[in-house]
């Protein structure tokens, strides 16, 4: 929980027949010091997608929904700018429709689906996996059109009531707020989180679309996991036919490596076991659901914080397997999923084009940055020591324990031989002693007008930065994630790879700076902070 920066946590472990364990830790309300209780609701985010898929497959069983028919058969007004074949329900269910992710400045409005007519698809339907919340918002609109009822009524009557999920709610409303654990976010929304910093109450919003509107308790969601472990059978009969359950859990498209996506569920193998699951993230809440078809065990974990409890859920499942088999419990998972490369990989002095230097020394305790010229060109002032510690957070990425390095993660780049040869910190680039590539770059003059910090009212992605580095623009999200920016025609840019539908453009130039950036048509405005 300390690593996740989560004030509270709730989990449940179940087998195919019964609830085995519910446990709660920490606080549902930090200010009031109110402990998490089993009856507290948590917003489960994208775990809701499998509920939407089940309701649509029930319509399929009734002969009213064909996953392979164009979605316009159910939403005649649906439109998107595309040169490819029509988008089907199957394409939307598998995140392979080529749509952008979402438009969250207008949360939980049907307009998000209608507005797709102003967006472009990035790839042919079915060709590439590309996560799209707005695709599932489209599916919930189609479900309402087919059933002729509001989404919440459908999910409540067809899934919650037959399974006995009496505490679970299908929409997030003001009336529900008193039953929810309080959601929390990092105090700073514009930089990678540091668990040593305070938390703040998360932005509150109502939500009612089928990509993430469900709230549940650990015990109630364990009931849902039992139904999945029993391949669609609940205590009062089947929710889905065997054929439709196979569609729900079929490995329809590869997501990454050996993980596949079905209809609202991720599917993968681990140690010879067939697993299913999903993560969920809402503003102030994160969750993880995981089930093992072969062992007949499942786990759900909720936190009222921003980081996904994936490794806690995996560890809980491993403990449950060991308990069932009568074998020793596995050791507690290490701080990082992947081993940290040796500190010596990064040791050396790195120099920016304007002469700023960063020197890294490998020690027995890891990697440190020595006193010298900082990222702003001034002398670093360590806290009580001449050396500044680096904390690994991901592959070749570090958090630097110094206020001059708060805004970004420090990243290292490697050459073709796998050697670390350069370092990046936000807009700054430092070439190492082993760097052998170009050191000067030509860029279009107008690109310099785009760099800066942009903000919106989007509660999920409230801000981002555009930097110009090594002759290319880069998009940096608050959590430190960096995305490639590729120029297209007419001053437009594409984010990520060639299959992406995410587009970026800039307008309203004044005094050598653009004042607005449009991320997939969602407006962000230049702000005063660096």
Protein backbone atom coordinates (compact mmCIF):
# COMPACT_ATOMS: atom_id res chain seq x y z
CA UNK A 1 0.00 0.00 0.00
CA UNK A 2 2.90 2.38 0.73
CA UNK A 3 4.35 1.66 -2.71
CA UNK A 4 0.95 2.25 -4.31
CA UNK A 5 0.41 5.45 -2.27
CA UNK A 6 -3.01 4.04 -1.36
CA UNK A 7 -4.75 5.11 1.87
CA UNK A 8 -7.15 2.16 1.83
CA UNK A 9 -7.46 -1.31 0.33
CA UNK A 10 -10.13 -4.00 0.18
CA UNK A 11 -9.77 -7.49 -1.26
CA UNK A 12 -11.74 -10.68 -1.62
CA UNK A 13 -10.68 -14.23 -2.48
CA UNK A 14 -13.19 -16.76 -3.78
CA UNK A 15 -13.36 -20.21 -5.28
CA UNK A 16 -16.08 -21.53 -7.58
CA UNK A 17 -18.44 -22.27 -4.68
CA UNK A 18 -18.04 -19.67 -1.95
CA UNK A 19 -16.34 -16.60 -0.62
CA UNK A 20 -13.09 -17.58 1.11
CA UNK A 21 -11.85 -14.28 2.48
CA UNK A 22 -12.60 -10.57 2.67
CA UNK A 23 -9.94 -8.29 4.13
CA UNK A 24 -9.74 -4.53 4.47
CA UNK A 25 -6.81 -2.27 5.34
CA UNK A 26 -6.22 1.43 5.88
CA UNK A 27 -8.68 4.27 5.57
CA UNK A 28 -11.81 4.92 3.56
CA UNK A 29 -11.55 8.54 4.70
CA UNK A 30 -8.10 9.82 5.65
CA UNK A 31 -9.27 13.06 7.26
CA UNK A 32 -11.86 11.33 9.47
CA UNK A 33 -9.58 8.32 10.08
CA UNK A 34 -12.50 6.11 9.05
CA UNK A 35 -11.27 2.54 8.37
CA UNK A 36 -12.19 0.69 5.20
CA UNK A 37 -15.03 -1.74 5.90
CA UNK A 38 -16.27 -4.66 3.75
CA UNK A 39 -19.46 -2.74 2.93
CA UNK A 40 -17.64 0.26 1.45
CA UNK A 41 -18.17 0.72 -2.27
CA UNK A 42 -15.28 1.35 -4.65
CA UNK A 43 -15.58 2.52 -8.26
CA UNK A 44 -14.37 -0.44 -10.37
CA UNK A 45 -13.74 1.46 -13.61
CA UNK A 46 -13.05 -0.65 -16.69
CA UNK A 47 -13.95 -3.93 -14.99
CA UNK A 48 -17.43 -2.65 -15.90
CA UNK A 49 -16.68 -3.43 -19.56
CA UNK A 50 -17.22 -7.17 -19.10
CA UNK A 51 -20.68 -6.44 -17.62
CA UNK A 52 -21.55 -4.49 -20.78
CA UNK A 53 -20.23 -7.35 -22.90
CA UNK A 54 -22.34 -9.92 -21.03
CA UNK A 55 -25.49 -7.84 -21.49
CA UNK A 56 -24.80 -7.58 -25.23
CA UNK A 57 -24.14 -11.32 -25.47
CA UNK A 58 -27.47 -11.91 -23.75
CA UNK A 59 -28.98 -9.93 -26.62
CA UNK A 60 -26.97 -12.16 -28.95
CA UNK A 61 -28.48 -15.25 -27.31
CA UNK A 62 -31.91 -13.69 -27.89
CA UNK A 63 -31.14 -13.09 -31.58
CA UNK A 64 -31.17 -9.31 -31.31
CA UNK A 65 -27.43 -8.56 -31.53
CA UNK A 66 -24.89 -9.80 -34.05
CA UNK A 67 -21.32 -8.90 -33.01
CA UNK A 68 -20.21 -9.02 -36.64
CA UNK A 69 -22.88 -6.66 -37.98
CA UNK A 70 -22.00 -2.99 -38.52
CA UNK A 71 -22.73 -1.03 -35.36
CA UNK A 72 -24.87 1.33 -37.48
CA UNK A 73 -27.52 -1.41 -37.55
CA UNK A 74 -28.15 -0.55 -33.89
CA UNK A 75 -27.04 3.12 -33.90
CA UNK A 76 -27.97 4.49 -37.34
CA UNK A 77 -26.55 7.91 -36.42
CA UNK A 78 -23.10 6.55 -35.56
CA UNK A 79 -20.41 8.08 -37.78
CA UNK A 80 -16.63 8.30 -37.87
CA UNK A 81 -14.22 9.61 -40.51
CA UNK A 82 -12.84 6.42 -42.01
CA UNK A 83 -11.60 5.04 -45.33
CA UNK A 84 -11.95 1.48 -44.07
CA UNK A 85 -14.75 -1.07 -43.74
CA UNK A 86 -17.67 -0.35 -41.37
CA UNK A 87 -17.00 -0.85 -37.66
CA UNK A 88 -18.76 -3.82 -36.06
CA UNK A 89 -19.69 -4.66 -32.49
CA UNK A 90 -16.88 -7.22 -32.46
CA UNK A 91 -14.36 -4.50 -33.36
CA UNK A 92 -15.58 -2.34 -30.48
CA UNK A 93 -15.70 -5.24 -28.00
CA UNK A 94 -12.07 -6.10 -28.75
CA UNK A 95 -10.62 -2.55 -28.86
CA UNK A 96 -9.77 -3.08 -32.52
CA UNK A 97 -12.06 -0.52 -34.19
CA UNK A 98 -9.23 1.96 -34.79
CA UNK A 99 -10.87 4.64 -32.64
CA UNK A 100 -9.17 7.13 -30.29
CA UNK A 101 -9.26 6.41 -26.58
CA UNK A 102 -11.80 8.88 -25.23
CA UNK A 103 -12.93 12.49 -24.83
CA UNK A 104 -13.25 12.98 -21.12
CA UNK A 105 -13.77 16.73 -20.96
CA UNK A 106 -17.48 15.89 -21.31
CA UNK A 107 -17.72 12.83 -19.04
CA UNK A 108 -20.67 10.44 -19.26
CA UNK A 109 -22.46 12.17 -22.11
CA UNK A 110 -23.79 10.47 -25.22
CA UNK A 111 -22.22 13.35 -27.13
CA UNK A 112 -18.85 11.60 -26.81
CA UNK A 113 -20.19 8.93 -29.18
CA UNK A 114 -21.89 11.43 -31.47
CA UNK A 115 -18.69 13.47 -31.66
CA UNK A 116 -16.77 10.58 -33.23
CA UNK A 117 -17.93 11.97 -36.59
CA UNK A 118 -15.20 14.58 -36.11
CA UNK A 119 -12.50 11.98 -35.50
CA UNK A 120 -10.45 9.78 -37.81
CA UNK A 121 -9.79 6.06 -37.50
CA UNK A 122 -6.16 5.03 -37.28
CA UNK A 123 -6.30 1.53 -38.76
CA UNK A 124 -8.70 -0.93 -40.43
CA UNK A 125 -11.22 -2.54 -38.07
CA UNK A 126 -9.89 -5.73 -36.56
CA UNK A 127 -6.27 -5.06 -37.56
CA UNK A 128 -4.78 -3.68 -34.33
CA UNK A 129 -5.53 -3.61 -30.62
CA UNK A 130 -5.83 0.00 -29.43
CA UNK A 131 -7.62 0.63 -26.13
CA UNK A 132 -10.68 2.82 -26.60
CA UNK A 133 -13.08 3.85 -23.85
CA UNK A 134 -15.25 5.72 -26.33
CA UNK A 135 -15.69 2.43 -28.19
CA UNK A 136 -17.31 0.97 -25.08
CA UNK A 137 -19.38 4.10 -24.59
CA UNK A 138 -20.64 3.36 -28.10
CA UNK A 139 -21.45 -0.22 -27.09
CA UNK A 140 -23.49 0.89 -24.07
CA UNK A 141 -25.46 3.25 -26.34
CA UNK A 142 -26.09 0.34 -28.72
CA UNK A 143 -27.21 -1.84 -25.79
CA UNK A 144 -29.74 0.77 -24.71
CA UNK A 145 -31.03 1.06 -28.28
CA UNK A 146 -31.43 -2.72 -28.64
CA UNK A 147 -33.05 -3.28 -25.23
CA UNK A 148 -35.05 -0.05 -25.18
CA UNK A 149 -34.09 0.58 -21.56
CA UNK A 150 -31.46 2.63 -19.67
CA UNK A 151 -28.08 0.97 -19.26
CA UNK A 152 -28.33 0.86 -15.46
CA UNK A 153 -31.71 -0.93 -15.53
CA UNK A 154 -30.34 -3.54 -17.94
CA UNK A 155 -27.24 -4.33 -15.88
CA UNK A 156 -29.17 -4.35 -12.61
CA UNK A 157 -31.95 -6.67 -13.77
CA UNK A 158 -29.87 -9.02 -15.90
CA UNK A 159 -26.68 -9.38 -13.86
CA UNK A 160 -26.84 -7.92 -10.35
CA UNK A 161 -30.22 -9.35 -9.36
CA UNK A 162 -29.75 -12.89 -10.75
CA UNK A 163 -26.36 -13.13 -9.04
CA UNK A 164 -27.48 -11.57 -5.76
CA UNK A 165 -25.11 -8.59 -5.99
CA UNK A 166 -27.27 -6.53 -3.66
CA UNK A 167 -24.70 -3.85 -2.78
CA UNK A 168 -23.45 -3.11 -6.31
CA UNK A 169 -24.58 -0.04 -8.25
CA UNK A 170 -24.57 0.46 -12.03
CA UNK A 171 -24.14 4.24 -12.06
CA UNK A 172 -22.11 6.69 -10.02
CA UNK A 173 -24.39 9.41 -8.65
CA UNK A 174 -24.34 12.00 -5.89
CA UNK A 175 -26.69 9.80 -3.84
CA UNK A 176 -24.08 7.03 -3.93
CA UNK A 177 -21.28 9.19 -2.60
CA UNK A 178 -21.97 8.49 1.08
CA UNK A 179 -21.48 4.75 0.55
CA UNK A 180 -18.20 5.07 -1.35
CA UNK A 181 -14.74 5.07 0.13
CA UNK A 182 -13.32 8.53 -0.54
CA UNK A 183 -11.17 8.59 -3.67
CA UNK A 184 -7.71 10.12 -3.45
CA UNK A 185 -5.18 11.52 -5.91
CA UNK A 186 -1.64 12.86 -5.54
CA UNK A 187 -1.56 16.44 -4.33
CA UNK A 188 0.35 17.42 -7.49
CA UNK A 189 -1.43 16.47 -10.70
CA UNK A 190 1.35 17.64 -13.03
CA UNK A 191 4.29 15.35 -12.16
CA UNK A 192 5.10 11.73 -11.33
CA UNK A 193 3.78 10.76 -7.93
CA UNK A 194 6.07 10.34 -4.95
CA UNK A 195 4.57 8.33 -2.06
CA UNK A 196 6.24 10.71 0.38
CA UNK A 197 4.01 13.58 -0.77
CA UNK A 198 0.49 14.20 0.61
CA UNK A 199 -2.71 13.00 -1.03
CA UNK A 200 -5.76 15.10 -1.87
CA UNK A 201 -9.42 14.21 -2.33
CA UNK A 202 -10.01 13.27 -5.93
CA UNK A 203 -12.21 15.26 -8.28
CA UNK A 204 -15.79 14.05 -7.87
CA UNK A 205 -17.96 13.27 -10.90
CA UNK A 206 -21.07 11.30 -11.74
CA UNK A 207 -20.81 8.62 -14.41
CA UNK A 208 -23.27 6.37 -16.26
CA UNK A 209 -21.69 4.90 -19.42
CA UNK A 210 -20.80 1.26 -20.00
CA UNK A 211 -17.03 1.66 -20.08
CA UNK A 212 -16.69 2.29 -16.34
CA UNK A 213 -19.80 3.22 -14.35
CA UNK A 214 -20.10 0.36 -11.81
CA UNK A 215 -19.29 0.54 -8.09
CA UNK A 216 -19.06 -2.58 -5.95
CA UNK A 217 -17.85 -4.09 -2.70
CA UNK A 218 -15.18 -6.81 -2.58
CA UNK A 219 -17.69 -9.45 -1.53
CA UNK A 220 -20.16 -8.51 -4.27
CA UNK A 221 -17.58 -8.49 -7.04
CA UNK A 222 -16.38 -11.89 -5.80
CA UNK A 223 -19.89 -13.16 -6.63
CA UNK A 224 -19.34 -11.97 -10.19
CA UNK A 225 -15.94 -13.69 -10.33
CA UNK A 226 -17.59 -16.96 -9.19
CA UNK A 227 -19.97 -16.72 -12.13
CA UNK A 228 -17.03 -16.31 -14.50
CA UNK A 229 -15.17 -19.23 -12.87
CA UNK A 230 -18.32 -21.28 -13.47
CA UNK A 231 -18.30 -20.23 -17.13
CA UNK A 232 -21.49 -18.15 -17.06
CA UNK A 233 -23.51 -20.12 -14.50
CA UNK A 234 -24.90 -18.30 -11.47
CA UNK A 235 -26.80 -19.50 -8.38
CA UNK A 236 -30.15 -19.08 -10.20
CA UNK A 237 -29.12 -20.40 -13.60
CA UNK A 238 -26.96 -19.41 -16.53
CA UNK A 239 -26.43 -15.77 -17.43
CA UNK A 240 -25.00 -16.76 -20.81
CA UNK A 241 -25.23 -19.74 -23.10
CA UNK A 242 -22.06 -21.83 -23.33
CA UNK A 243 -21.52 -20.54 -26.87
CA UNK A 244 -21.75 -16.89 -25.78
CA UNK A 245 -19.46 -17.51 -22.84
CA UNK A 246 -16.91 -18.85 -25.30
CA UNK A 247 -17.23 -15.58 -27.25
CA UNK A 248 -16.75 -13.61 -24.02
CA UNK A 249 -13.51 -15.43 -23.20
CA UNK A 250 -12.17 -16.22 -26.66
CA UNK A 251 -8.69 -14.83 -27.33
CA UNK A 252 -9.90 -12.54 -30.06
CA UNK A 253 -6.89 -10.23 -30.45
CA UNK A 254 -3.38 -10.02 -29.08
CA UNK A 255 -2.97 -7.12 -26.68
CA UNK A 256 0.74 -7.45 -25.90
CA UNK A 257 3.24 -10.28 -25.60
CA UNK A 258 1.17 -13.27 -24.43
CA UNK A 259 -1.86 -11.33 -23.21
CA UNK A 260 -5.03 -11.40 -25.33
CA UNK A 261 -8.33 -9.54 -25.23
CA UNK A 262 -11.74 -11.17 -25.50
CA UNK A 263 -14.97 -9.27 -24.96
CA UNK A 264 -14.20 -7.01 -22.01
CA UNK A 265 -11.73 -9.48 -20.45
CA UNK A 266 -7.99 -9.99 -20.71
CA UNK A 267 -6.82 -13.58 -21.06
CA UNK A 268 -3.38 -15.12 -20.59
CA UNK A 269 -1.53 -18.20 -19.36
CA UNK A 270 0.66 -18.44 -16.30
CA UNK A 271 2.49 -21.56 -15.11
CA UNK A 272 0.18 -23.71 -17.20
CA UNK A 273 -3.00 -22.07 -15.86
CA UNK A 274 -5.58 -20.21 -17.97
CA UNK A 275 -6.28 -16.82 -16.40
CA UNK A 276 -8.74 -13.99 -17.01
CA UNK A 277 -8.97 -10.52 -15.56
CA UNK A 278 -9.13 -6.79 -16.00
CA UNK A 279 -7.96 -3.60 -14.34
CA UNK A 280 -10.09 -0.59 -13.57
CA UNK A 281 -9.25 3.04 -13.01
CA UNK A 282 -11.52 5.93 -12.12
CA UNK A 283 -10.63 9.32 -10.71
CA UNK A 284 -9.35 8.44 -7.22
CA UNK A 285 -9.88 4.66 -7.50
CA UNK A 286 -8.04 1.67 -8.96
CA UNK A 287 -8.94 -2.00 -9.04
CA UNK A 288 -7.87 -5.40 -10.28
CA UNK A 289 -9.90 -8.56 -10.92
CA UNK A 290 -8.16 -11.85 -11.70
CA UNK A 291 -9.41 -15.43 -12.00
CA UNK A 292 -7.82 -18.82 -12.58
CA UNK A 293 -10.05 -21.17 -14.59
CA UNK A 294 -7.92 -24.21 -13.76
CA UNK A 295 -7.50 -23.66 -10.02
CA UNK A 296 -11.06 -22.38 -9.69
CA UNK A 297 -9.88 -19.36 -7.68
CA UNK A 298 -10.38 -15.63 -8.09
CA UNK A 299 -9.32 -12.36 -6.47
CA UNK A 300 -10.53 -8.78 -6.51
CA UNK A 301 -8.57 -5.86 -5.05
CA UNK A 302 -9.70 -2.24 -4.69
CA UNK A 303 -7.73 0.83 -3.57
CA UNK A 304 -8.92 4.40 -3.17
CA UNK A 305 -5.82 5.72 -4.91
CA UNK A 306 -4.41 6.18 -8.38
CA UNK A 307 -2.05 3.19 -8.77
CA UNK A 308 -3.39 -0.17 -9.95
CA UNK A 309 -2.99 -3.01 -7.37
CA UNK A 310 -1.98 -5.57 -10.00
CA UNK A 311 0.81 -7.18 -8.03
CA UNK A 312 -1.25 -7.39 -4.83
CA UNK A 313 -3.94 -9.31 -6.72
CA UNK A 314 -1.37 -11.65 -8.29
CA UNK A 315 0.20 -12.31 -4.89
CA UNK A 316 -3.20 -12.96 -3.28
CA UNK A 317 -4.00 -15.47 -6.01
CA UNK A 318 -0.64 -17.19 -5.51
CA UNK A 319 -1.29 -17.41 -1.74
CA UNK A 320 -4.76 -18.85 -2.38
CA UNK A 321 -3.31 -21.49 -4.71
CA UNK A 322 -0.71 -22.43 -2.10
CA UNK A 323 -3.32 -22.63 0.65
CA UNK A 324 -5.51 -24.86 -1.52
CA UNK A 325 -2.57 -27.12 -2.40
CA UNK A 326 -1.14 -27.21 1.12
CA UNK A 327 2.22 -25.86 -0.05
CA UNK A 328 4.32 -23.06 1.51
CA UNK A 329 3.19 -19.54 0.77
CA UNK A 330 5.20 -17.69 -1.86
CA UNK A 331 7.56 -14.94 -0.69
CA UNK A 332 6.31 -11.38 -0.64
CA UNK A 333 6.86 -9.82 -4.09
CA UNK A 334 9.90 -7.56 -4.49
CA UNK A 335 9.66 -3.80 -4.88
CA UNK A 336 9.76 -4.05 -8.68
CA UNK A 337 8.30 -6.64 -11.03
CA UNK A 338 11.46 -6.64 -13.17
CA UNK A 339 15.00 -6.69 -11.74
CA UNK A 340 16.82 -3.36 -11.73
CA UNK A 341 19.78 -3.24 -14.15
CA UNK A 342 23.17 -2.90 -12.43
CA UNK A 343 23.88 0.72 -11.45
CA UNK A 344 27.12 0.50 -13.40
CA UNK A 345 25.05 0.44 -16.60
CA UNK A 346 24.37 4.14 -16.13
CA UNK A 347 27.56 5.43 -14.49
CA UNK A 348 29.37 8.29 -16.17
CA UNK A 349 29.02 11.96 -17.09
CA UNK A 350 26.29 13.13 -19.47
CA UNK A 351 26.41 16.56 -21.10
CA UNK A 352 23.67 18.67 -22.70
CA UNK A 353 24.23 20.71 -25.91
CA UNK A 354 24.48 23.89 -23.82
CA UNK A 355 27.08 22.44 -21.46
CA UNK A 356 24.99 21.33 -18.47
CA UNK A 357 26.27 18.12 -16.89
CA UNK A 358 24.90 15.20 -14.89
CA UNK A 359 27.35 12.75 -13.34
CA UNK A 360 26.14 9.38 -12.05
CA UNK A 361 28.09 7.08 -9.74
CA UNK A 362 27.29 3.44 -9.02
CA UNK A 363 27.43 2.59 -5.30
CA UNK A 364 26.64 -0.44 -3.24
CA UNK A 365 23.19 1.01 -2.58
CA UNK A 366 22.36 1.90 -6.18
CA UNK A 367 22.83 4.92 -8.40
CA UNK A 368 23.50 8.46 -7.21
CA UNK A 369 23.77 11.86 -8.88
CA UNK A 370 26.71 13.87 -7.67
CA UNK A 371 26.77 17.55 -6.90
CA UNK A 372 27.30 19.65 -10.01
CA UNK A 373 25.34 21.59 -12.60
CA UNK A 374 21.62 20.86 -12.35
CA UNK A 375 19.01 20.64 -15.09
CA UNK A 376 18.54 24.40 -14.96
CA UNK A 377 22.27 25.07 -15.13
CA UNK A 378 22.58 26.06 -11.46
CA UNK A 379 24.41 24.20 -8.75
CA UNK A 380 22.44 21.36 -7.16
CA UNK A 381 21.90 21.72 -3.44
CA UNK A 382 21.47 18.23 -1.97
CA UNK A 383 19.55 17.62 1.23
CA UNK A 384 22.32 17.15 3.75
CA UNK A 385 24.67 15.23 1.47
CA UNK A 386 26.72 15.80 -1.63
CA UNK A 387 25.05 12.84 -3.36
CA UNK A 388 21.45 12.62 -4.54
CA UNK A 389 19.74 9.25 -4.63
CA UNK A 390 17.94 7.79 -7.64
CA UNK A 391 14.97 5.46 -7.12
CA UNK A 392 14.13 3.06 -9.98
CA UNK A 393 10.47 3.22 -11.02
CA UNK A 394 10.52 1.42 -14.39
CA UNK A 395 12.95 0.17 -17.01
CA UNK A 396 15.69 2.81 -17.37
CA UNK A 397 13.54 5.33 -15.48
CA UNK A 398 14.31 6.87 -12.10
CA UNK A 399 12.84 9.24 -9.58
CA UNK A 400 15.47 11.74 -8.39
CA UNK A 401 15.34 12.80 -4.75
CA UNK A 402 15.84 16.51 -5.36
CA UNK A 403 13.33 19.38 -5.87
CA UNK A 404 14.99 20.39 -9.15
CA UNK A 405 13.89 17.02 -10.56
CA UNK A 406 10.27 16.98 -9.39
CA UNK A 407 8.50 17.56 -12.71
CA UNK A 408 9.75 14.58 -14.73
CA UNK A 409 11.31 11.16 -14.45
CA UNK A 410 14.96 10.81 -15.38
CA UNK A 411 15.23 8.44 -18.34
CA UNK A 412 18.18 6.72 -19.93
CA UNK A 413 18.42 5.76 -23.59
CA UNK A 414 20.42 2.80 -24.88
CA UNK A 415 22.28 2.21 -28.14
CA UNK A 416 21.97 -0.80 -30.45
CA UNK A 417 24.36 -2.76 -28.23
CA UNK A 418 22.14 -2.18 -25.20
CA UNK A 419 24.49 0.31 -23.51
CA UNK A 420 23.08 3.37 -21.74
CA UNK A 421 24.44 6.30 -23.75
CA UNK A 422 22.11 9.25 -23.12
CA UNK A 423 19.82 10.70 -20.47
CA UNK A 424 16.58 12.65 -20.73
CA UNK A 425 14.87 14.89 -18.21
CA UNK A 426 11.79 16.58 -19.63
CA UNK A 427 13.00 18.91 -22.41
CA UNK A 428 16.67 18.31 -21.56
CA UNK A 429 18.91 15.85 -23.36
CA UNK A 430 22.31 14.75 -22.12
CA UNK A 431 24.74 12.77 -24.26
CA UNK A 432 26.92 10.28 -22.41
CA UNK A 433 30.58 9.59 -22.97
CA UNK A 434 29.70 6.57 -25.12
CA UNK A 435 27.14 8.42 -27.26
CA UNK A 436 28.12 8.29 -30.96
CA UNK A 437 25.08 9.74 -32.73
CA UNK A 438 24.32 13.22 -34.09
CA UNK A 439 24.43 16.17 -31.72
CA UNK A 440 22.77 18.88 -33.83
CA UNK A 441 19.32 18.71 -35.37
CA UNK A 442 17.24 20.74 -37.82
CA UNK A 443 13.62 21.34 -36.90
CA UNK A 444 10.79 23.39 -38.45
CA UNK A 445 10.76 26.84 -36.86
CA UNK A 446 7.09 26.61 -35.91
CA UNK A 447 7.75 23.59 -33.68
CA UNK A 448 9.37 25.85 -31.12
CA UNK A 449 6.02 27.65 -30.74
CA UNK A 450 4.30 24.43 -29.64
CA UNK A 451 6.44 23.60 -26.61
CA UNK A 452 4.93 24.23 -23.20
CA UNK A 453 2.47 23.09 -20.55
CA UNK A 454 -1.22 22.68 -21.52
CA UNK A 455 -4.27 22.16 -19.27
CA UNK A 456 -7.97 21.27 -19.55
CA UNK A 457 -10.89 20.28 -17.32
CA UNK A 458 -10.43 16.57 -18.12
CA UNK A 459 -10.38 14.78 -14.75
CA UNK A 460 -8.36 11.86 -16.15
CA UNK A 461 -5.72 13.74 -18.15
CA UNK A 462 -5.81 17.26 -16.76
CA UNK A 463 -2.56 18.42 -18.32
CA UNK A 464 0.46 17.49 -20.42
CA UNK A 465 3.70 19.01 -21.66
CA UNK A 466 5.13 19.26 -25.16
CA UNK A 467 8.92 19.37 -25.35
CA UNK A 468 11.38 19.65 -28.24
CA UNK A 469 14.31 17.31 -27.81
CA UNK A 470 16.86 15.83 -30.21
CA UNK A 471 15.04 17.32 -33.18
CA UNK A 472 11.67 15.80 -32.32
CA UNK A 473 8.60 16.76 -30.33
CA UNK A 474 7.62 14.58 -27.37
CA UNK A 475 4.37 14.40 -25.40
CA UNK A 476 4.91 13.97 -21.64
CA UNK A 477 1.97 12.98 -19.44
CA UNK A 478 1.92 13.93 -15.73
CA UNK A 479 2.82 10.40 -14.60
CA UNK A 480 6.01 10.55 -16.66
CA UNK A 481 4.78 8.51 -19.64
CA UNK A 482 6.28 9.80 -22.88
CA UNK A 483 4.58 9.38 -26.25
CA UNK A 484 6.04 9.91 -29.70
CA UNK A 485 4.76 12.83 -31.79
CA UNK A 486 4.89 12.22 -35.55
CA UNK A 487 4.18 15.05 -38.03
CA UNK A 488 1.43 14.48 -40.60
CA UNK A 489 0.08 16.79 -43.26
CA UNK A 490 -1.36 20.23 -42.65
CA UNK A 491 0.31 20.86 -39.30
CA UNK A 492 -1.31 17.83 -37.66
CA UNK A 493 0.57 15.25 -35.58
CA UNK A 494 -0.06 11.63 -34.63
CA UNK A 495 0.60 10.31 -31.15
CA UNK A 496 2.14 6.85 -30.76
CA UNK A 497 2.55 4.36 -33.61
CA UNK A 498 1.16 4.38 -37.13
CA UNK A 499 -2.01 2.52 -36.10
CA UNK A 500 -3.00 5.21 -33.57
CA UNK A 501 -6.09 7.37 -34.07
CA UNK A 502 -4.87 9.97 -31.57
CA UNK A 503 -4.24 13.31 -33.27
CA UNK A 504 -2.61 16.48 -31.98
CA UNK A 505 -2.62 19.99 -33.41
CA UNK A 506 -1.88 23.48 -32.18
CA UNK A 507 -3.47 26.87 -32.86
CA UNK A 508 -3.91 30.45 -31.62
CA UNK A 509 -0.30 31.65 -31.94
CA UNK A 510 0.67 34.85 -30.09
CA UNK A 511 4.19 36.23 -29.65
CA UNK A 512 5.85 33.01 -30.75
CA UNK A 513 3.71 30.64 -28.68
CA UNK A 514 0.56 28.69 -29.49
CA UNK A 515 -2.10 29.09 -26.83
CA UNK A 516 -4.12 25.93 -27.49
CA UNK A 517 -3.47 22.26 -28.23
CA UNK A 518 -6.20 19.93 -29.46
CA UNK A 519 -5.68 16.31 -28.41
CA UNK A 520 -8.08 14.26 -30.54
CA UNK A 521 -10.22 17.42 -30.78
CA UNK A 522 -10.24 17.94 -26.99
CA UNK A 523 -8.97 21.45 -26.17
CA UNK A 524 -6.08 22.07 -23.80
CA UNK A 525 -4.83 25.58 -23.07
CA UNK A 526 -1.33 26.83 -22.45
CA UNK A 527 -0.87 27.48 -18.75
CA UNK A 528 1.57 29.66 -16.82
CA UNK A 529 3.44 26.87 -15.01
CA UNK A 530 6.58 25.28 -16.49
